[in-house]
């Protein structure tokens, strides 16, 4: 073992022992040399961050600069002003974060776009995705420079590196529920964990509004509010326009040959409707918590054969560029109206990692449904009859 790794291993052992023996619960540890905080009961709520569309979080401001982020399904996080201490008598279910928060381990890939939008990528020191896995240039370039390090995927974090880098927050997606021991271990090492739920928002604007959570974490609340308001205004302007009357099928073909489509309550369907379209499977509900449904090609044929527009979802499957590639995946599509008229489109692979782009995607949908030229599209491209 190299000298550096030996030192890191010793640091890991000592840090873990210190957290476990001294603090018991890593998410509420008092940091050395911090002043004693006020009694929790002496602090009072003075304001709340306005939340227009999101349902999965709230943010409350307290006296003396303390701020509480509450994510009902996953917990409460108290942001402590820089140089101050955690309040005495704080409820046991509250996780404490000390500002500044600038050495983050980000395992929730889609949250990176919020940091990018807020010019806060530098606050993410550790990534759960390797450089080649990022479609966000700022994240990939930071890793290539060494400003951001790979610290293991969410299900196999590099605890040694996380402690060595003095990580002050781990941000996880709900995928971490499949590995609950990991959050317990991180907490035991004194690393607070925030499990974010932006993907559970049914309203696309609600997903984008999570930028306010990251604005609070970075101390950029005003910038976050301004960014969201601009996106909301653009989306609402599109939503106020007359309906196009066009029907849309949004889908991809699975490896087993089934066709995966969105349930009628899914946020993508709301985006299509906001853009003036009509989703062909408007009454589709599988009865489970999943946002998508797999159906046979025969059922898809019946429901989507006469759709005016077909949009292939490459967020999960490989991106395609030609009509032939589409027909190779599902030959029966050759009889579809949209194939005959050439109204065939595909999403870009960057869609999953860019929740702040949902407004632009709604704009793309509207442009396609309004028969406008494709030059201004951001997340969609038209399938051609030729090569790429």
Foldseek 3Di string as FASTA:
>chain_A
DDPVVVVLVVLLVVLLCCLCVPPVWLQQDKDPPADAAAAPVVKDFDDWDDDDAADQWTKTAIPPGKIWIARPVFAIEIEDEARHTDHPPPDPRYGYFYPPQQDEEEQPQQCVQLCVLVVNNLSHAEYQDALVVDPPVVNNVCVVVNSHYYQHHLQDGNSSVCVVSVHAEYEAECVCVVVVVSCVSCRSSNHHYDYDDLQVRLALLNSLLCSCVVCVNNVNNVSSVVLSVVLVVLLVVQLPDEALAFEEFEWAADPVGWIKGFALSHNVVVLLVSLRYHYQNNHGDPPDPDGIDTDHPVVCCVRQQAGQAYEYECLPPPWDAAPVVVCVSPVVNCNGPCVVVQRYKYFDNNVSNHSSCSSLVSVQSNCSSVVHDPPPRDTMDGHYHDDD
